[in-house]
């Protein structure tokens, strides 16, 4: 027989927590997508075009590939953004540092915001 300790949430509390609907949406699996979409995505990817995730437009900033094949901006591009060299392309921007607060307090980019939980990110952006 299982006993519930005084500090444990009740079943109704767990159900309420599980049914919370986040305004953020999960990305869709490509397994259920149509073949034409996948063909287009594969074709665009093979051409080496630097387009945002839905392939609708190019990135606003130059991107580089990282070790994990994700795209990122270079330190020089970040410097250029902070120096105002992209004012014609970018009207506003935020630098988000997702590290733990103790890491953030050890040093961070000037003006960066330390958002390290999902709730903080949702609260800031939504």
Protein backbone atom coordinates (compact mmCIF):
# COMPACT_ATOMS: atom_id res chain seq x y z
CA UNK A 1 0.00 0.00 0.00
CA UNK A 2 1.23 3.48 -0.90
CA UNK A 3 1.04 6.25 1.64
CA UNK A 4 1.09 9.92 0.77
CA UNK A 5 3.42 12.03 2.83
CA UNK A 6 2.19 15.37 4.12
CA UNK A 7 4.41 17.31 1.71
CA UNK A 8 3.28 15.43 -1.39
CA UNK A 9 0.75 17.05 -3.75
CA UNK A 10 -2.70 15.50 -3.89
CA UNK A 11 -3.91 13.69 -6.98
CA UNK A 12 -6.16 16.63 -7.86
CA UNK A 13 -3.20 19.01 -7.63
CA UNK A 14 -1.20 16.78 -9.96
CA UNK A 15 -4.08 16.59 -12.43
CA UNK A 16 -4.47 20.36 -12.40
CA UNK A 17 -0.74 20.76 -13.00
CA UNK A 18 -0.81 18.22 -15.83
CA UNK A 19 -3.73 19.94 -17.58
CA UNK A 20 -2.11 23.40 -17.58
CA UNK A 21 -2.18 24.66 -21.14
CA UNK A 22 0.94 26.57 -22.06
CA UNK A 23 0.72 29.36 -24.64
CA UNK A 24 3.91 27.94 -26.16
CA UNK A 25 3.36 25.26 -28.74
CA UNK A 26 5.40 22.13 -29.30
CA UNK A 27 6.99 21.77 -32.69
CA UNK A 28 5.29 19.30 -34.96
CA UNK A 29 6.83 15.99 -35.83
CA UNK A 30 7.80 15.64 -39.47
CA UNK A 31 6.57 12.04 -39.40
CA UNK A 32 2.99 13.16 -40.07
CA UNK A 33 3.75 15.82 -42.66
CA UNK A 34 3.02 15.53 -46.32
CA UNK A 35 5.66 14.46 -48.76
CA UNK A 36 5.64 17.75 -50.73
CA UNK A 37 6.54 19.68 -47.57
CA UNK A 38 9.39 17.29 -46.78
CA UNK A 39 10.59 17.38 -50.39
CA UNK A 40 10.62 21.19 -50.31
CA UNK A 41 12.40 21.27 -46.94
CA UNK A 42 14.98 18.75 -48.09
CA UNK A 43 15.51 20.63 -51.35
CA UNK A 44 15.98 23.96 -49.61
CA UNK A 45 18.31 22.39 -47.04
CA UNK A 46 20.42 20.79 -49.74
CA UNK A 47 20.83 24.14 -51.49
CA UNK A 48 22.44 25.49 -48.34
CA UNK A 49 20.05 28.44 -48.02
CA UNK A 50 19.97 30.18 -44.66
CA UNK A 51 16.23 30.38 -44.00
CA UNK A 52 14.31 30.49 -40.72
CA UNK A 53 12.67 27.28 -39.45
CA UNK A 54 9.54 27.42 -41.65
CA UNK A 55 11.62 28.28 -44.76
CA UNK A 56 9.57 31.46 -45.33
CA UNK A 57 12.37 34.04 -45.19
CA UNK A 58 16.08 34.43 -44.58
CA UNK A 59 17.58 35.11 -41.16
CA UNK A 60 17.84 38.80 -40.29
CA UNK A 61 21.49 38.34 -39.27
CA UNK A 62 24.37 36.34 -40.75
CA UNK A 63 24.51 32.89 -39.19
CA UNK A 64 27.22 30.32 -38.61
CA UNK A 65 26.94 26.60 -37.97
CA UNK A 66 27.96 25.40 -34.54
CA UNK A 67 29.42 22.05 -33.57
CA UNK A 68 25.91 20.69 -33.08
CA UNK A 69 24.83 21.92 -36.55
CA UNK A 70 22.57 24.55 -35.00
CA UNK A 71 22.74 28.01 -36.43
CA UNK A 72 23.95 30.90 -34.33
CA UNK A 73 25.39 34.35 -34.75
CA UNK A 74 29.11 34.92 -34.39
CA UNK A 75 30.67 37.02 -31.62
CA UNK A 76 31.45 39.67 -34.27
CA UNK A 77 27.80 39.80 -35.33
CA UNK A 78 26.73 40.21 -31.70
CA UNK A 79 29.25 43.04 -31.34
CA UNK A 80 27.85 44.65 -34.49
CA UNK A 81 24.26 44.35 -33.16
CA UNK A 82 25.27 45.91 -29.84
CA UNK A 83 27.11 48.67 -31.73
CA UNK A 84 24.01 49.54 -33.76
CA UNK A 85 25.29 48.34 -37.12
CA UNK A 86 22.03 46.45 -37.82
CA UNK A 87 19.60 49.26 -36.93
CA UNK A 88 18.14 49.14 -40.44
CA UNK A 89 17.29 45.43 -40.07
CA UNK A 90 16.51 45.11 -36.36
CA UNK A 91 14.41 47.65 -34.48
CA UNK A 92 14.64 45.94 -31.07
CA UNK A 93 16.39 42.91 -29.63
CA UNK A 94 16.89 41.08 -26.36
CA UNK A 95 19.91 39.12 -25.24
CA UNK A 96 18.68 36.20 -23.16
CA UNK A 97 21.12 34.33 -20.94
CA UNK A 98 19.56 31.00 -19.94
CA UNK A 99 22.24 29.95 -17.48
CA UNK A 100 21.60 29.54 -13.77
CA UNK A 101 21.71 32.80 -11.77
CA UNK A 102 25.01 31.90 -10.09
CA UNK A 103 26.57 31.45 -13.55
CA UNK A 104 25.02 34.70 -14.79
CA UNK A 105 26.33 36.61 -11.76
CA UNK A 106 29.82 35.32 -12.58
CA UNK A 107 29.80 37.37 -15.78
CA UNK A 108 27.47 38.06 -18.68
CA UNK A 109 26.96 40.27 -21.71
CA UNK A 110 26.07 43.82 -20.72
CA UNK A 111 22.29 44.28 -20.90
CA UNK A 112 21.52 40.54 -20.99
CA UNK A 113 18.44 39.26 -19.20
CA UNK A 114 18.78 36.14 -17.07
CA UNK A 115 15.73 33.99 -17.89
CA UNK A 116 16.41 30.41 -16.93
CA UNK A 117 12.95 28.91 -16.30
CA UNK A 118 10.08 28.30 -18.64
CA UNK A 119 7.81 30.53 -16.52
CA UNK A 120 10.28 33.41 -16.75
CA UNK A 121 10.53 33.07 -20.52
CA UNK A 122 6.72 32.86 -20.95
CA UNK A 123 6.21 35.85 -18.66
CA UNK A 124 8.79 37.94 -20.52
CA UNK A 125 7.76 37.13 -24.10
CA UNK A 126 4.02 36.50 -23.86
